[in-house]
């Protein structure tokens, strides 16, 4: 992800801008929204995913003053209101 168009980045109280990446957890597997299983090569942040069965969506984003965190994947509950990052083909 090198470019974000038509979006004003709004940081939350943790200096974080994040959005869903179309990756969800179901029946013991992480899968993309199109049904493709997650390959072994991933971009999870350290200590992610959390292995909590209540947390079934994945996000990425940028964090101000923490370049090591940027664009790493994090799992989170699916009920958060976040933008969605889409792949352009």
PDB file of N, CA and C in Angstrom:
ATOM      1  N   UNK A   1       0.846  -1.167   0.000  1.00  0.00           N
ATOM      2  CA  UNK A   1       0.000   0.000   0.000  1.00  0.00           C
ATOM      3  C   UNK A   1       0.892   1.231   0.000  1.00  0.00           C
ATOM      4  N   UNK A   2       1.018   1.812  -1.124  1.00  0.00           N
ATOM      5  CA  UNK A   2       1.884   2.972  -1.197  1.00  0.00           C
ATOM      6  C   UNK A   2       1.097   4.257  -1.372  1.00  0.00           C
ATOM      7  N   UNK A   3      -0.203   4.157  -1.603  1.00  0.00           N
ATOM      8  CA  UNK A   3      -0.968   5.347  -1.914  1.00  0.00           C
ATOM      9  C   UNK A   3      -2.395   5.203  -1.413  1.00  0.00           C
ATOM     10  N   UNK A   4      -2.912   6.236  -0.802  1.00  0.00           N
ATOM     11  CA  UNK A   4      -4.315   6.279  -0.397  1.00  0.00           C
ATOM     12  C   UNK A   4      -4.919   7.507  -1.055  1.00  0.00           C
ATOM     13  N   UNK A   5      -5.951   7.305  -1.850  1.00  0.00           N
ATOM     14  CA  UNK A   5      -6.608   8.404  -2.549  1.00  0.00           C
ATOM     15  C   UNK A   5      -7.951   8.727  -1.926  1.00  0.00           C
ATOM     16  N   UNK A   6      -8.360   9.976  -2.036  1.00  0.00           N
ATOM     17  CA  UNK A   6      -9.692  10.422  -1.651  1.00  0.00           C
ATOM     18  C   UNK A   6     -10.043  10.077  -0.217  1.00  0.00           C
ATOM     19  N   UNK A   7      -9.065  10.065   0.658  1.00  0.00           N
ATOM     20  CA  UNK A   7      -9.324   9.755   2.060  1.00  0.00           C
ATOM     21  C   UNK A   7      -8.582  10.759   2.924  1.00  0.00           C
ATOM     22  N   UNK A   8      -9.282  11.347   3.855  1.00  0.00           N
ATOM     23  CA  UNK A   8      -8.630  12.167   4.847  1.00  0.00           C
ATOM     24  C   UNK A   8      -8.270  11.268   6.002  1.00  0.00           C
ATOM     25  N   UNK A   9      -6.991  11.172   6.311  1.00  0.00           N
ATOM     26  CA  UNK A   9      -6.558  10.312   7.403  1.00  0.00           C
ATOM     27  C   UNK A   9      -6.971  10.938   8.720  1.00  0.00           C
ATOM     28  N   UNK A  10      -7.757  10.228   9.493  1.00  0.00           N
ATOM     29  CA  UNK A  10      -8.210  10.697  10.792  1.00  0.00           C
ATOM     30  C   UNK A  10      -7.640   9.766  11.843  1.00  0.00           C
ATOM     31  N   UNK A  11      -6.748  10.296  12.653  1.00  0.00           N
ATOM     32  CA  UNK A  11      -6.127   9.496  13.696  1.00  0.00           C
ATOM     33  C   UNK A  11      -7.057   9.401  14.890  1.00  0.00           C
ATOM     34  N   UNK A  12      -7.087   8.226  15.534  1.00  0.00           N
ATOM     35  CA  UNK A  12      -7.878   8.087  16.755  1.00  0.00           C
ATOM     36  C   UNK A  12      -7.059   8.549  17.961  1.00  0.00           C
ATOM     37  N   UNK A  13      -7.564   8.312  19.151  1.00  0.00           N
ATOM     38  CA  UNK A  13      -6.901   8.775  20.370  1.00  0.00           C
ATOM     39  C   UNK A  13      -5.539   8.119  20.600  1.00  0.00           C
ATOM     40  N   UNK A  14      -5.272   7.012  19.914  1.00  0.00           N
ATOM     41  CA  UNK A  14      -3.978   6.330  20.019  1.00  0.00           C
ATOM     42  C   UNK A  14      -3.030   6.717  18.881  1.00  0.00           C
ATOM     43  N   UNK A  15      -3.313   7.832  18.209  1.00  0.00           N
ATOM     44  CA  UNK A  15      -2.520   8.276  17.060  1.00  0.00           C
ATOM     45  C   UNK A  15      -2.463   7.214  15.967  1.00  0.00           C
ATOM     46  N   UNK A  16      -3.588   6.557  15.753  1.00  0.00           N
ATOM     47  CA  UNK A  16      -3.662   5.432  14.824  1.00  0.00           C
ATOM     48  C   UNK A  16      -4.761   5.675  13.797  1.00  0.00           C
ATOM     49  N   UNK A  17      -4.455   5.401  12.544  1.00  0.00           N
ATOM     50  CA  UNK A  17      -5.455   5.353  11.486  1.00  0.00           C
ATOM     51  C   UNK A  17      -5.478   3.919  11.000  1.00  0.00           C
ATOM     52  N   UNK A  18      -6.621   3.276  11.072  1.00  0.00           N
ATOM     53  CA  UNK A  18      -6.687   1.887  10.636  1.00  0.00           C
ATOM     54  C   UNK A  18      -7.962   1.611   9.866  1.00  0.00           C
ATOM     55  N   UNK A  19      -7.926   0.529   9.092  1.00  0.00           N
ATOM     56  CA  UNK A  19      -9.079   0.105   8.315  1.00  0.00           C
ATOM     57  C   UNK A  19      -9.061  -1.399   8.121  1.00  0.00           C
ATOM     58  N   UNK A  20     -10.228  -1.936   7.804  1.00  0.00           N
ATOM     59  CA  UNK A  20     -10.355  -3.373   7.549  1.00  0.00           C
ATOM     60  C   UNK A  20      -9.637  -3.746   6.244  1.00  0.00           C
ATOM     61  N   UNK A  21      -9.109  -4.980   6.194  1.00  0.00           N
ATOM     62  CA  UNK A  21      -8.397  -5.422   4.995  1.00  0.00           C
ATOM     63  C   UNK A  21      -9.087  -6.587   4.280  1.00  0.00           C
ATOM     64  N   UNK A  22     -10.291  -6.939   4.673  1.00  0.00           N
ATOM     65  CA  UNK A  22     -10.999  -8.014   3.980  1.00  0.00           C
ATOM     66  C   UNK A  22     -10.541  -9.405   4.377  1.00  0.00           C
ATOM     67  N   UNK A  23     -10.062  -9.544   5.601  1.00  0.00           N
ATOM     68  CA  UNK A  23      -9.582 -10.812   6.126  1.00  0.00           C
ATOM     69  C   UNK A  23     -10.382 -11.136   7.372  1.00  0.00           C
ATOM     70  N   UNK A  24     -10.961 -12.330   7.418  1.00  0.00           N
ATOM     71  CA  UNK A  24     -11.787 -12.713   8.559  1.00  0.00           C
ATOM     72  C   UNK A  24     -11.473 -14.112   9.054  1.00  0.00           C
ATOM     73  N   UNK A  25     -11.885 -14.381  10.276  1.00  0.00           N
ATOM     74  CA  UNK A  25     -11.623 -15.666  10.928  1.00  0.00           C
ATOM     75  C   UNK A  25     -12.928 -16.430  11.059  1.00  0.00           C
ATOM     76  N   UNK A  26     -12.956 -17.664  10.549  1.00  0.00           N
ATOM     77  CA  UNK A  26     -14.153 -18.477  10.621  1.00  0.00           C
ATOM     78  C   UNK A  26     -13.763 -19.952  10.602  1.00  0.00           C
ATOM     79  N   UNK A  27     -14.402 -20.728  11.447  1.00  0.00           N
ATOM     80  CA  UNK A  27     -14.155 -22.172  11.504  1.00  0.00           C
ATOM     81  C   UNK A  27     -12.671 -22.520  11.654  1.00  0.00           C
ATOM     82  N   UNK A  28     -11.972 -21.730  12.460  1.00  0.00           N
ATOM     83  CA  UNK A  28     -10.571 -22.016  12.738  1.00  0.00           C
ATOM     84  C   UNK A  28      -9.579 -21.579  11.678  1.00  0.00           C
ATOM     85  N   UNK A  29     -10.046 -20.822  10.660  1.00  0.00           N
ATOM     86  CA  UNK A  29      -9.160 -20.383   9.582  1.00  0.00           C
ATOM     87  C   UNK A  29      -9.307 -18.895   9.311  1.00  0.00           C
ATOM     88  N   UNK A  30      -8.194 -18.244   8.992  1.00  0.00           N
ATOM     89  CA  UNK A  30      -8.239 -16.884   8.473  1.00  0.00           C
ATOM     90  C   UNK A  30      -8.406 -16.989   6.966  1.00  0.00           C
ATOM     91  N   UNK A  31      -9.425 -16.284   6.434  1.00  0.00           N
ATOM     92  CA  UNK A  31      -9.712 -16.322   4.999  1.00  0.00           C
ATOM     93  C   UNK A  31     -10.004 -14.917   4.500  1.00  0.00           C
ATOM     94  N   UNK A  32      -9.644 -14.674   3.235  1.00  0.00           N
ATOM     95  CA  UNK A  32      -9.980 -13.416   2.580  1.00  0.00           C
ATOM     96  C   UNK A  32     -11.468 -13.411   2.246  1.00  0.00           C
ATOM     97  N   UNK A  33     -12.035 -12.239   2.047  1.00  0.00           N
ATOM     98  CA  UNK A  33     -13.472 -12.128   1.769  1.00  0.00           C
ATOM     99  C   UNK A  33     -13.902 -12.894   0.526  1.00  0.00           C
ATOM    100  N   UNK A  34     -12.995 -13.128  -0.402  1.00  0.00           N
ATOM    101  CA  UNK A  34     -13.361 -13.889  -1.607  1.00  0.00           C
ATOM    102  C   UNK A  34     -13.312 -15.399  -1.386  1.00  0.00           C
ATOM    103  N   UNK A  35     -13.010 -15.841  -0.154  1.00  0.00           N
ATOM    104  CA  UNK A  35     -12.976 -17.259   0.168  1.00  0.00           C
ATOM    105  C   UNK A  35     -11.600 -17.895   0.073  1.00  0.00           C
ATOM    106  N   UNK A  36     -10.593 -17.131  -0.342  1.00  0.00           N
ATOM    107  CA  UNK A  36      -9.238 -17.660  -0.440  1.00  0.00           C
ATOM    108  C   UNK A  36      -8.634 -17.791   0.952  1.00  0.00           C
ATOM    109  N   UNK A  37      -8.105 -18.977   1.289  1.00  0.00           N
ATOM    110  CA  UNK A  37      -7.465 -19.130   2.596  1.00  0.00           C
ATOM    111  C   UNK A  37      -6.205 -18.265   2.688  1.00  0.00           C
ATOM    112  N   UNK A  38      -5.908 -17.811   3.869  1.00  0.00           N
ATOM    113  CA  UNK A  38      -4.706 -17.021   4.103  1.00  0.00           C
ATOM    114  C   UNK A  38      -3.488 -17.900   3.887  1.00  0.00           C
ATOM    115  N   UNK A  39      -2.547 -17.431   3.102  1.00  0.00           N
ATOM    116  CA  UNK A  39      -1.324 -18.198   2.861  1.00  0.00           C
ATOM    117  C   UNK A  39      -0.426 -18.112   4.097  1.00  0.00           C
ATOM    118  N   UNK A  40       0.558 -19.003   4.182  1.00  0.00           N
ATOM    119  CA  UNK A  40       1.462 -18.964   5.342  1.00  0.00           C
ATOM    120  C   UNK A  40       2.226 -17.650   5.456  1.00  0.00           C
ATOM    121  N   UNK A  41       2.478 -16.981   4.335  1.00  0.00           N
ATOM    122  CA  UNK A  41       3.192 -15.709   4.384  1.00  0.00           C
ATOM    123  C   UNK A  41       2.209 -14.606   4.760  1.00  0.00           C
ATOM    124  N   UNK A  42       2.440 -13.975   5.878  1.00  0.00           N
ATOM    125  CA  UNK A  42       1.518 -12.951   6.369  1.00  0.00           C
ATOM    126  C   UNK A  42       2.279 -11.714   6.809  1.00  0.00           C
ATOM    127  N   UNK A  43       1.525 -10.730   7.220  1.00  0.00           N
ATOM    128  CA  UNK A  43       2.097  -9.467   7.665  1.00  0.00           C
ATOM    129  C   UNK A  43       1.580  -9.104   9.065  1.00  0.00           C
ATOM    130  N   UNK A  44       1.334 -10.119   9.919  1.00  0.00           N
ATOM    131  CA  UNK A  44       0.819  -9.856  11.262  1.00  0.00           C
ATOM    132  C   UNK A  44       1.823  -9.054  12.084  1.00  0.00           C
ATOM    133  N   UNK A  45       1.317  -8.152  12.891  1.00  0.00           N
ATOM    134  CA  UNK A  45       2.140  -7.439  13.867  1.00  0.00           C
ATOM    135  C   UNK A  45       2.569  -8.429  14.952  1.00  0.00           C
ATOM    136  N   UNK A  46       3.602  -8.100  15.716  1.00  0.00           N
ATOM    137  CA  UNK A  46       4.005  -8.990  16.812  1.00  0.00           C
ATOM    138  C   UNK A  46       2.833  -9.299  17.745  1.00  0.00           C
ATOM    139  N   UNK A  47       2.740 -10.539  18.166  1.00  0.00           N
ATOM    140  CA  UNK A  47       1.708 -11.042  19.072  1.00  0.00           C
ATOM    141  C   UNK A  47       0.304 -10.975  18.468  1.00  0.00           C
ATOM    142  N   UNK A  48       0.236 -10.994  17.139  1.00  0.00           N
ATOM    143  CA  UNK A  48      -1.024 -11.027  16.425  1.00  0.00           C
ATOM    144  C   UNK A  48      -1.020 -12.250  15.517  1.00  0.00           C
ATOM    145  N   UNK A  49      -2.129 -12.858  15.202  1.00  0.00           N
ATOM    146  CA  UNK A  49      -3.446 -12.598  15.788  1.00  0.00           C
ATOM    147  C   UNK A  49      -3.482 -13.051  17.242  1.00  0.00           C
ATOM    148  N   UNK A  50      -4.465 -12.546  17.978  1.00  0.00           N
ATOM    149  CA  UNK A  50      -4.510 -12.749  19.424  1.00  0.00           C
ATOM    150  C   UNK A  50      -5.015 -14.127  19.840  1.00  0.00           C
ATOM    151  N   UNK A  51      -5.549 -14.902  18.935  1.00  0.00           N
ATOM    152  CA  UNK A  51      -6.099 -16.238  19.231  1.00  0.00           C
ATOM    153  C   UNK A  51      -7.360 -16.167  20.092  1.00  0.00           C
ATOM    154  N   UNK A  52      -8.054 -15.048  20.061  1.00  0.00           N
ATOM    155  CA  UNK A  52      -9.310 -14.867  20.778  1.00  0.00           C
ATOM    156  C   UNK A  52     -10.444 -15.131  19.789  1.00  0.00           C
ATOM    157  N   UNK A  53     -11.280 -16.124  20.058  1.00  0.00           N
ATOM    158  CA  UNK A  53     -12.348 -16.481  19.125  1.00  0.00           C
ATOM    159  C   UNK A  53     -13.393 -15.388  18.925  1.00  0.00           C
ATOM    160  N   UNK A  54     -13.436 -14.378  19.790  1.00  0.00           N
ATOM    161  CA  UNK A  54     -14.386 -13.280  19.623  1.00  0.00           C
ATOM    162  C   UNK A  54     -13.864 -12.211  18.665  1.00  0.00           C
ATOM    163  N   UNK A  55     -12.595 -12.299  18.322  1.00  0.00           N
ATOM    164  CA  UNK A  55     -11.971 -11.320  17.437  1.00  0.00           C
ATOM    165  C   UNK A  55     -11.807 -11.974  16.078  1.00  0.00           C
ATOM    166  N   UNK A  56     -12.622 -11.542  15.100  1.00  0.00           N
ATOM    167  CA  UNK A  56     -12.718 -12.274  13.840  1.00  0.00           C
ATOM    168  C   UNK A  56     -12.439 -11.449  12.593  1.00  0.00           C
ATOM    169  N   UNK A  57     -11.944 -10.219  12.744  1.00  0.00           N
ATOM    170  CA  UNK A  57     -11.609  -9.393  11.580  1.00  0.00           C
ATOM    171  C   UNK A  57     -10.171  -8.916  11.700  1.00  0.00           C
ATOM    172  N   UNK A  58      -9.620  -8.477  10.576  1.00  0.00           N
ATOM    173  CA  UNK A  58      -8.242  -7.996  10.564  1.00  0.00           C
ATOM    174  C   UNK A  58      -8.197  -6.580   9.999  1.00  0.00           C
ATOM    175  N   UNK A  59      -7.226  -5.823  10.493  1.00  0.00           N
ATOM    176  CA  UNK A  59      -7.059  -4.449  10.040  1.00  0.00           C
ATOM    177  C   UNK A  59      -5.579  -4.161   9.816  1.00  0.00           C
ATOM    178  N   UNK A  60      -5.334  -3.041   9.178  1.00  0.00           N
ATOM    179  CA  UNK A  60      -3.989  -2.504   9.051  1.00  0.00           C
ATOM    180  C   UNK A  60      -4.103  -0.998   9.092  1.00  0.00           C
ATOM    181  N   UNK A  61      -2.988  -0.324   9.121  1.00  0.00           N
ATOM    182  CA  UNK A  61      -3.030   1.126   9.142  1.00  0.00           C
ATOM    183  C   UNK A  61      -1.676   1.715   9.420  1.00  0.00           C
ATOM    184  N   UNK A  62      -1.718   2.961   9.833  1.00  0.00           N
ATOM    185  CA  UNK A  62      -0.493   3.660  10.183  1.00  0.00           C
ATOM    186  C   UNK A  62      -0.640   4.240  11.582  1.00  0.00           C
ATOM    187  N   UNK A  63       0.475   4.299  12.269  1.00  0.00           N
ATOM    188  CA  UNK A  63       0.496   4.842  13.623  1.00  0.00           C
ATOM    189  C   UNK A  63       1.549   5.944  13.672  1.00  0.00           C
ATOM    190  N   UNK A  64       1.117   7.116  14.078  1.00  0.00           N
ATOM    191  CA  UNK A  64       2.008   8.262  14.171  1.00  0.00           C
ATOM    192  C   UNK A  64       3.146   7.958  15.136  1.00  0.00           C
ATOM    193  N   UNK A  65       4.345   8.261  14.758  1.00  0.00           N
ATOM    194  CA  UNK A  65       5.551   8.092  15.584  1.00  0.00           C
ATOM    195  C   UNK A  65       5.924   6.630  15.822  1.00  0.00           C
ATOM    196  N   UNK A  66       5.433   5.694  15.017  1.00  0.00           N
ATOM    197  CA  UNK A  66       5.774   4.281  15.212  1.00  0.00           C
ATOM    198  C   UNK A  66       5.850   3.580  13.859  1.00  0.00           C
ATOM    199  N   UNK A  67       6.912   3.843  13.122  1.00  0.00           N
ATOM    200  CA  UNK A  67       7.055   3.298  11.774  1.00  0.00           C
ATOM    201  C   UNK A  67       7.101   1.773  11.765  1.00  0.00           C
ATOM    202  N   UNK A  68       7.556   1.135  12.838  1.00  0.00           N
ATOM    203  CA  UNK A  68       7.598  -0.325  12.889  1.00  0.00           C
ATOM    204  C   UNK A  68       6.203  -0.938  12.877  1.00  0.00           C
ATOM    205  N   UNK A  69       5.197  -0.200  13.325  1.00  0.00           N
ATOM    206  CA  UNK A  69       3.823  -0.688  13.378  1.00  0.00           C
ATOM    207  C   UNK A  69       3.132  -0.556  12.021  1.00  0.00           C
ATOM    208  N   UNK A  70       3.549   0.400  11.219  1.00  0.00           N
ATOM    209  CA  UNK A  70       2.822   0.768  10.006  1.00  0.00           C
ATOM    210  C   UNK A  70       2.613  -0.396   9.051  1.00  0.00           C
ATOM    211  N   UNK A  71       1.371  -0.551   8.644  1.00  0.00           N
ATOM    212  CA  UNK A  71       0.881  -1.521   7.680  1.00  0.00           C
ATOM    213  C   UNK A  71       0.980  -2.967   8.159  1.00  0.00           C
ATOM    214  N   UNK A  72       1.263  -3.195   9.422  1.00  0.00           N
ATOM    215  CA  UNK A  72       1.204  -4.552   9.982  1.00  0.00           C
ATOM    216  C   UNK A  72      -0.260  -4.886  10.245  1.00  0.00           C
ATOM    217  N   UNK A  73      -0.592  -6.178  10.235  1.00  0.00           N
ATOM    218  CA  UNK A  73      -1.966  -6.608  10.456  1.00  0.00           C
ATOM    219  C   UNK A  73      -2.234  -6.799  11.935  1.00  0.00           C
ATOM    220  N   UNK A  74      -3.445  -6.438  12.342  1.00  0.00           N
ATOM    221  CA  UNK A  74      -3.924  -6.637  13.703  1.00  0.00           C
ATOM    222  C   UNK A  74      -5.314  -7.239  13.647  1.00  0.00           C
ATOM    223  N   UNK A  75      -5.618  -8.134  14.582  1.00  0.00           N
ATOM    224  CA  UNK A  75      -6.991  -8.638  14.630  1.00  0.00           C
ATOM    225  C   UNK A  75      -7.807  -7.758  15.567  1.00  0.00           C
ATOM    226  N   UNK A  76      -9.101  -7.685  15.304  1.00  0.00           N
ATOM    227  CA  UNK A  76      -9.989  -6.868  16.115  1.00  0.00           C
ATOM    228  C   UNK A  76     -11.409  -7.362  15.949  1.00  0.00           C
ATOM    229  N   UNK A  77     -12.292  -6.913  16.838  1.00  0.00           N
ATOM    230  CA  UNK A  77     -13.705  -7.263  16.722  1.00  0.00           C
ATOM    231  C   UNK A  77     -14.279  -6.606  15.472  1.00  0.00           C
ATOM    232  N   UNK A  78     -15.202  -7.289  14.855  1.00  0.00           N
ATOM    233  CA  UNK A  78     -15.761  -6.831  13.582  1.00  0.00           C
ATOM    234  C   UNK A  78     -16.804  -5.728  13.731  1.00  0.00           C
ATOM    235  N   UNK A  79     -17.144  -5.349  14.946  1.00  0.00           N
ATOM    236  CA  UNK A  79     -18.196  -4.356  15.141  1.00  0.00           C
ATOM    237  C   UNK A  79     -17.682  -2.917  15.170  1.00  0.00           C
ATOM    238  N   UNK A  80     -16.398  -2.714  14.962  1.00  0.00           N
ATOM    239  CA  UNK A  80     -15.847  -1.364  14.947  1.00  0.00           C
ATOM    240  C   UNK A  80     -16.197  -0.684  13.626  1.00  0.00           C
ATOM    241  N   UNK A  81     -16.423   0.595  13.669  1.00  0.00           N
ATOM    242  CA  UNK A  81     -16.693   1.364  12.459  1.00  0.00           C
ATOM    243  C   UNK A  81     -15.361   1.901  11.954  1.00  0.00           C
ATOM    244  N   UNK A  82     -14.895   1.315  10.844  1.00  0.00           N
ATOM    245  CA  UNK A  82     -13.608   1.674  10.255  1.00  0.00           C
ATOM    246  C   UNK A  82     -13.748   1.746   8.746  1.00  0.00           C
ATOM    247  N   UNK A  83     -12.868   2.495   8.081  1.00  0.00           N
ATOM    248  CA  UNK A  83     -12.855   2.436   6.619  1.00  0.00           C
ATOM    249  C   UNK A  83     -12.373   1.065   6.167  1.00  0.00           C
ATOM    250  N   UNK A  84     -12.561   0.797   4.896  1.00  0.00           N
ATOM    251  CA  UNK A  84     -12.128  -0.477   4.307  1.00  0.00           C
ATOM    252  C   UNK A  84     -11.095  -0.193   3.254  1.00  0.00           C
ATOM    253  N   UNK A  85      -9.953  -0.875   3.371  1.00  0.00           N
ATOM    254  CA  UNK A  85      -8.932  -0.779   2.325  1.00  0.00           C
ATOM    255  C   UNK A  85      -9.233  -1.841   1.295  1.00  0.00           C
ATOM    256  N   UNK A  86      -9.188  -1.466   0.026  1.00  0.00           N
ATOM    257  CA  UNK A  86      -9.519  -2.392  -1.050  1.00  0.00           C
ATOM    258  C   UNK A  86      -8.314  -2.570  -1.957  1.00  0.00           C
ATOM    259  N   UNK A  87      -8.213  -3.761  -2.523  1.00  0.00           N
ATOM    260  CA  UNK A  87      -7.184  -4.017  -3.515  1.00  0.00           C
ATOM    261  C   UNK A  87      -7.695  -3.541  -4.864  1.00  0.00           C
ATOM    262  N   UNK A  88      -6.865  -2.821  -5.565  1.00  0.00           N
ATOM    263  CA  UNK A  88      -7.199  -2.381  -6.910  1.00  0.00           C
ATOM    264  C   UNK A  88      -6.485  -3.308  -7.878  1.00  0.00           C
ATOM    265  N   UNK A  89      -7.262  -3.952  -8.743  1.00  0.00           N
ATOM    266  CA  UNK A  89      -6.687  -4.920  -9.680  1.00  0.00           C
ATOM    267  C   UNK A  89      -6.569  -4.304 -11.054  1.00  0.00           C
TER     268      UNK A  89
END
